Amino acid sequence: MSANHCNHKASQHAAQIQHDSKAIEIYEKIASHSLNDSLLKYQAKRYLLDAGISRFFRGDDLDSTTKALEKYRKLDPTFSDTSEYYQHNSTLTSCTCDVIFPSNF
């Protein structure tokens, strides 16, 4: 079992027991490590998406989530062209709309 695989399992476990900050830290660490390896760099986008999802579960505000998304784009310039980025961004947009126009409005 690789170190990334073990760390991924650890981050999933941290997220399951609601230690979202630790899960985010691990996901971002795995993504950064993956980007430095030509064989693993394509998996980094998944870990960045998982970190973003963990931020939503942690309850981060819009500003901090937007900053994190920008951080991920700087970490991996190709991230903004991926479906994972669009998933993250569309979730952010829908959450923004719910804040501005609550569903029970």
N, C-alpha and C. Protein backbone atom coordinates (compact mmCIF):
# COMPACT_ATOMS: atom_id res chain seq x y z
N MET A 1 0.84 -1.17 0.00
CA MET A 1 0.00 0.00 0.00
C MET A 1 0.89 1.24 0.00
N SER A 2 0.59 2.21 -0.86
CA SER A 2 1.41 3.41 -0.97
C SER A 2 1.10 4.40 0.16
N ALA A 3 2.00 5.34 0.34
CA ALA A 3 1.80 6.37 1.36
C ALA A 3 0.56 7.20 1.04
N ASN A 4 0.36 7.53 -0.25
CA ASN A 4 -0.82 8.30 -0.63
C ASN A 4 -2.10 7.53 -0.31
N HIS A 5 -2.07 6.24 -0.57
CA HIS A 5 -3.26 5.43 -0.30
C HIS A 5 -3.56 5.41 1.20
N CYS A 6 -2.54 5.25 2.01
CA CYS A 6 -2.72 5.25 3.48
C CYS A 6 -3.22 6.62 3.96
N ASN A 7 -2.64 7.68 3.42
CA ASN A 7 -3.09 9.02 3.80
C ASN A 7 -4.52 9.28 3.36
N HIS A 8 -4.88 8.76 2.19
CA HIS A 8 -6.26 8.92 1.70
C HIS A 8 -7.23 8.23 2.65
N LYS A 9 -6.89 7.03 3.08
CA LYS A 9 -7.73 6.31 4.04
C LYS A 9 -7.84 7.08 5.35
N ALA A 10 -6.72 7.66 5.79
CA ALA A 10 -6.72 8.44 7.03
C ALA A 10 -7.61 9.67 6.89
N SER A 11 -7.56 10.33 5.74
CA SER A 11 -8.38 11.53 5.54
C SER A 11 -9.86 11.17 5.46
N GLN A 12 -10.17 10.04 4.85
CA GLN A 12 -11.57 9.59 4.80
C GLN A 12 -12.07 9.29 6.20
N HIS A 13 -11.24 8.64 6.99
CA HIS A 13 -11.63 8.33 8.37
C HIS A 13 -11.82 9.62 9.17
N ALA A 14 -10.90 10.58 9.01
CA ALA A 14 -11.03 11.86 9.72
C ALA A 14 -12.32 12.56 9.35
N ALA A 15 -12.68 12.52 8.08
CA ALA A 15 -13.92 13.15 7.63
C ALA A 15 -15.14 12.44 8.21
N GLN A 16 -15.07 11.12 8.29
CA GLN A 16 -16.20 10.35 8.82
C GLN A 16 -16.46 10.64 10.29
N ILE A 17 -15.41 10.91 11.03
CA ILE A 17 -15.60 11.20 12.46
C ILE A 17 -15.64 12.71 12.72
N GLN A 18 -15.90 13.47 11.65
CA GLN A 18 -16.12 14.91 11.70
C GLN A 18 -14.90 15.70 12.16
N HIS A 19 -13.73 15.23 11.81
CA HIS A 19 -12.49 15.99 11.99
C HIS A 19 -12.13 16.59 10.64
N ASP A 20 -13.00 17.49 10.18
CA ASP A 20 -12.87 18.03 8.83
C ASP A 20 -11.57 18.79 8.61
N SER A 21 -11.11 19.51 9.61
CA SER A 21 -9.86 20.27 9.45
C SER A 21 -8.69 19.33 9.18
N LYS A 22 -8.64 18.22 9.89
CA LYS A 22 -7.57 17.24 9.66
C LYS A 22 -7.71 16.60 8.29
N ALA A 23 -8.94 16.31 7.88
CA ALA A 23 -9.17 15.72 6.56
C ALA A 23 -8.70 16.68 5.47
N ILE A 24 -9.02 17.96 5.61
CA ILE A 24 -8.60 18.97 4.63
C ILE A 24 -7.08 19.02 4.55
N GLU A 25 -6.45 19.06 5.70
CA GLU A 25 -4.99 19.10 5.75
C GLU A 25 -4.37 17.91 5.01
N ILE A 26 -4.91 16.73 5.25
CA ILE A 26 -4.37 15.52 4.62
C ILE A 26 -4.65 15.53 3.12
N TYR A 27 -5.88 15.86 2.72
CA TYR A 27 -6.21 15.91 1.28
C TYR A 27 -5.28 16.88 0.55
N GLU A 28 -5.06 18.06 1.13
CA GLU A 28 -4.20 19.05 0.48
C GLU A 28 -2.75 18.56 0.42
N LYS A 29 -2.31 17.86 1.45
CA LYS A 29 -0.96 17.30 1.46
C LYS A 29 -0.80 16.24 0.37
N ILE A 30 -1.80 15.37 0.23
CA ILE A 30 -1.74 14.33 -0.79
C ILE A 30 -1.75 14.96 -2.18
N ALA A 31 -2.59 15.96 -2.39
CA ALA A 31 -2.66 16.64 -3.68
C ALA A 31 -1.32 17.26 -4.04
N SER A 32 -0.73 17.95 -3.08
CA SER A 32 0.57 18.59 -3.31
C SER A 32 1.63 17.54 -3.65
N HIS A 33 1.64 16.47 -2.91
CA HIS A 33 2.60 15.38 -3.17
C HIS A 33 2.36 14.76 -4.54
N SER A 34 1.11 14.57 -4.89
CA SER A 34 0.76 13.95 -6.17
C SER A 34 1.20 14.82 -7.35
N LEU A 35 1.10 16.12 -7.20
CA LEU A 35 1.48 17.03 -8.29
C LEU A 35 2.97 16.98 -8.59
N ASN A 36 3.76 16.53 -7.63
CA ASN A 36 5.21 16.43 -7.82
C ASN A 36 5.64 15.10 -8.40
N ASP A 37 4.69 14.24 -8.72
CA ASP A 37 4.99 12.92 -9.27
C ASP A 37 4.26 12.77 -10.60
N SER A 38 5.00 12.52 -11.65
CA SER A 38 4.38 12.47 -12.99
C SER A 38 3.33 11.38 -13.12
N LEU A 39 3.44 10.32 -12.35
CA LEU A 39 2.44 9.25 -12.42
C LEU A 39 1.19 9.54 -11.59
N LEU A 40 1.33 10.37 -10.59
CA LEU A 40 0.22 10.63 -9.67
C LEU A 40 -0.47 11.98 -9.89
N LYS A 41 0.10 12.83 -10.74
CA LYS A 41 -0.41 14.20 -10.85
C LYS A 41 -1.86 14.28 -11.30
N TYR A 42 -2.33 13.27 -12.00
CA TYR A 42 -3.72 13.31 -12.47
C TYR A 42 -4.72 13.00 -11.36
N GLN A 43 -4.24 12.43 -10.26
CA GLN A 43 -5.10 12.16 -9.12
C GLN A 43 -5.27 13.37 -8.21
N ALA A 44 -4.41 14.35 -8.36
CA ALA A 44 -4.42 15.51 -7.47
C ALA A 44 -5.77 16.23 -7.50
N LYS A 45 -6.38 16.31 -8.67
CA LYS A 45 -7.66 17.02 -8.78
C LYS A 45 -8.73 16.38 -7.90
N ARG A 46 -8.69 15.08 -7.75
CA ARG A 46 -9.65 14.38 -6.89
C ARG A 46 -9.45 14.78 -5.43
N TYR A 47 -8.19 14.84 -5.02
CA TYR A 47 -7.90 15.20 -3.63
C TYR A 47 -8.26 16.66 -3.35
N LEU A 48 -8.07 17.52 -4.34
CA LEU A 48 -8.46 18.93 -4.16
C LEU A 48 -9.98 19.05 -4.05
N LEU A 49 -10.70 18.27 -4.83
CA LEU A 49 -12.16 18.25 -4.72
C LEU A 49 -12.59 17.76 -3.34
N ASP A 50 -11.96 16.68 -2.88
CA ASP A 50 -12.29 16.15 -1.55
C ASP A 50 -12.01 17.17 -0.45
N ALA A 51 -10.91 17.91 -0.59
CA ALA A 51 -10.61 18.96 0.39
C ALA A 51 -11.69 20.03 0.36
N GLY A 52 -12.13 20.40 -0.84
CA GLY A 52 -13.19 21.39 -0.96
C GLY A 52 -14.49 20.93 -0.36
N ILE A 53 -14.84 19.68 -0.59
CA ILE A 53 -16.06 19.12 -0.01
C ILE A 53 -15.97 19.12 1.51
N SER A 54 -14.80 18.79 2.03
CA SER A 54 -14.62 18.79 3.48
C SER A 54 -14.79 20.20 4.05
N ARG A 55 -14.39 21.21 3.28
CA ARG A 55 -14.59 22.59 3.71
C ARG A 55 -16.07 22.92 3.84
N PHE A 56 -16.88 22.43 2.92
CA PHE A 56 -18.32 22.65 3.01
C PHE A 56 -18.89 22.00 4.26
N PHE A 57 -18.46 20.76 4.53
CA PHE A 57 -18.96 20.07 5.72
C PHE A 57 -18.50 20.74 7.00
N ARG A 58 -17.32 21.34 6.96
CA ARG A 58 -16.82 22.04 8.14
C ARG A 58 -17.61 23.32 8.38
N GLY A 59 -18.25 23.83 7.32
CA GLY A 59 -19.06 25.04 7.46
C GLY A 59 -18.31 26.31 7.17
N ASP A 60 -17.25 26.20 6.35
CA ASP A 60 -16.49 27.40 6.01
C ASP A 60 -17.39 28.43 5.34
N ASP A 61 -17.09 29.70 5.58
CA ASP A 61 -17.87 30.75 4.93
C ASP A 61 -17.45 30.90 3.47
N LEU A 62 -18.22 31.67 2.74
CA LEU A 62 -18.01 31.84 1.31
C LEU A 62 -16.62 32.39 0.99
N ASP A 63 -16.18 33.37 1.77
CA ASP A 63 -14.88 33.99 1.51
C ASP A 63 -13.74 32.99 1.66
N SER A 64 -13.75 32.22 2.72
CA SER A 64 -12.65 31.27 2.94
C SER A 64 -12.70 30.13 1.92
N THR A 65 -13.90 29.73 1.51
CA THR A 65 -14.02 28.68 0.50
C THR A 65 -13.52 29.18 -0.85
N THR A 66 -13.83 30.42 -1.17
CA THR A 66 -13.36 31.02 -2.42
C THR A 66 -11.84 31.13 -2.42
N LYS A 67 -11.26 31.52 -1.29
CA LYS A 67 -9.80 31.61 -1.17
C LYS A 67 -9.16 30.23 -1.32
N ALA A 68 -9.79 29.22 -0.77
CA ALA A 68 -9.26 27.86 -0.90
C ALA A 68 -9.29 27.42 -2.36
N LEU A 69 -10.37 27.73 -3.04
CA LEU A 69 -10.48 27.37 -4.45
C LEU A 69 -9.38 28.06 -5.26
N GLU A 70 -9.11 29.31 -4.95
CA GLU A 70 -8.02 30.04 -5.62
C GLU A 70 -6.66 29.40 -5.30
N LYS A 71 -6.50 28.98 -4.05
CA LYS A 71 -5.26 28.30 -3.63
C LYS A 71 -5.06 27.02 -4.44
N TYR A 72 -6.15 26.28 -4.65
CA TYR A 72 -6.06 25.04 -5.42
C TYR A 72 -5.72 25.31 -6.87
N ARG A 73 -6.24 26.40 -7.41
CA ARG A 73 -5.93 26.77 -8.80
C ARG A 73 -4.47 27.17 -8.94
N LYS A 74 -3.91 27.80 -7.92
CA LYS A 74 -2.49 28.17 -7.95
C LYS A 74 -1.61 26.93 -7.78
N LEU A 75 -2.05 26.02 -6.93
CA LEU A 75 -1.31 24.78 -6.70
C LEU A 75 -1.25 23.94 -7.97
N ASP A 76 -2.38 23.86 -8.67
CA ASP A 76 -2.46 23.10 -9.92
C ASP A 76 -3.16 23.96 -10.97
N PRO A 77 -2.38 24.63 -11.83
CA PRO A 77 -2.97 25.51 -12.84
C PRO A 77 -3.97 24.80 -13.77
N THR A 78 -3.86 23.49 -13.92
CA THR A 78 -4.81 22.77 -14.78
C THR A 78 -6.13 22.47 -14.07
N PHE A 79 -6.18 22.71 -12.76
CA PHE A 79 -7.37 22.37 -11.97
C PHE A 79 -8.61 23.11 -12.47
N SER A 80 -8.45 24.35 -12.90
CA SER A 80 -9.62 25.13 -13.32
C SER A 80 -10.24 24.62 -14.63
N ASP A 81 -9.56 23.71 -15.31
CA ASP A 81 -10.10 23.12 -16.54
C ASP A 81 -10.69 21.73 -16.33
N THR A 82 -10.84 21.33 -15.08
CA THR A 82 -11.30 19.96 -14.80
C THR A 82 -12.75 19.93 -14.35
N SER A 83 -13.34 18.76 -14.46
CA SER A 83 -14.73 18.60 -14.00
C SER A 83 -14.80 18.74 -12.48
N GLU A 84 -13.73 18.38 -11.76
CA GLU A 84 -13.70 18.53 -10.31
C GLU A 84 -13.81 20.00 -9.91
N TYR A 85 -13.12 20.86 -10.66
CA TYR A 85 -13.21 22.30 -10.39
C TYR A 85 -14.64 22.79 -10.62
N TYR A 86 -15.23 22.36 -11.71
CA TYR A 86 -16.60 22.79 -12.01
C TYR A 86 -17.59 22.27 -10.97
N GLN A 87 -17.37 21.05 -10.47
CA GLN A 87 -18.23 20.53 -9.40
C GLN A 87 -18.09 21.40 -8.15
N HIS A 88 -16.86 21.69 -7.80
CA HIS A 88 -16.59 22.50 -6.61
C HIS A 88 -17.19 23.90 -6.78
N ASN A 89 -16.97 24.50 -7.93
CA ASN A 89 -17.45 25.84 -8.19
C ASN A 89 -18.98 25.90 -8.26
N SER A 90 -19.61 24.89 -8.87
CA SER A 90 -21.07 24.90 -8.94
C SER A 90 -21.69 24.68 -7.57
N THR A 91 -21.06 23.89 -6.73
CA THR A 91 -21.54 23.72 -5.35
C THR A 91 -21.43 25.03 -4.60
N LEU A 92 -20.32 25.72 -4.80
CA LEU A 92 -20.12 27.02 -4.17
C LEU A 92 -21.18 28.00 -4.63
N THR A 93 -21.47 28.01 -5.92
CA THR A 93 -22.47 28.91 -6.49
C THR A 93 -23.86 28.59 -5.95
N SER A 94 -24.20 27.30 -5.87
CA SER A 94 -25.53 26.94 -5.37
C SER A 94 -25.66 27.27 -3.88
N CYS A 95 -24.59 27.14 -3.13
CA CYS A 95 -24.64 27.51 -1.71
C CYS A 95 -24.82 29.02 -1.57
N THR A 96 -24.18 29.77 -2.44
CA THR A 96 -24.32 31.22 -2.43
C THR A 96 -25.76 31.60 -2.72
N CYS A 97 -26.37 30.93 -3.68
CA CYS A 97 -27.76 31.24 -4.03
C CYS A 97 -28.69 30.91 -2.88
N ASP A 98 -28.41 29.82 -2.16
CA ASP A 98 -29.24 29.45 -1.01
C ASP A 98 -29.13 30.49 0.10
N VAL A 99 -27.96 31.11 0.23
CA VAL A 99 -27.80 32.14 1.24
C VAL A 99 -28.57 33.39 0.83
N ILE A 100 -28.46 33.75 -0.44
CA ILE A 100 -29.14 34.95 -0.92
C ILE A 100 -30.65 34.73 -1.05
N PHE A 101 -31.03 33.58 -1.61
CA PHE A 101 -32.43 33.22 -1.81
C PHE A 101 -32.71 31.87 -1.16
N PRO A 102 -32.98 31.85 0.15
CA PRO A 102 -33.24 30.57 0.82
C PRO A 102 -34.34 29.79 0.13
N SER A 103 -34.24 28.47 0.19
CA SER A 103 -35.21 27.62 -0.50
C SER A 103 -36.62 27.78 0.06
N ASN A 104 -36.77 28.24 1.28
CA ASN A 104 -38.12 28.44 1.83
C ASN A 104 -38.60 29.88 1.64
N PHE A 105 -37.91 30.64 0.80
CA PHE A 105 -38.26 32.03 0.52
C PHE A 105 -39.51 32.15 -0.28
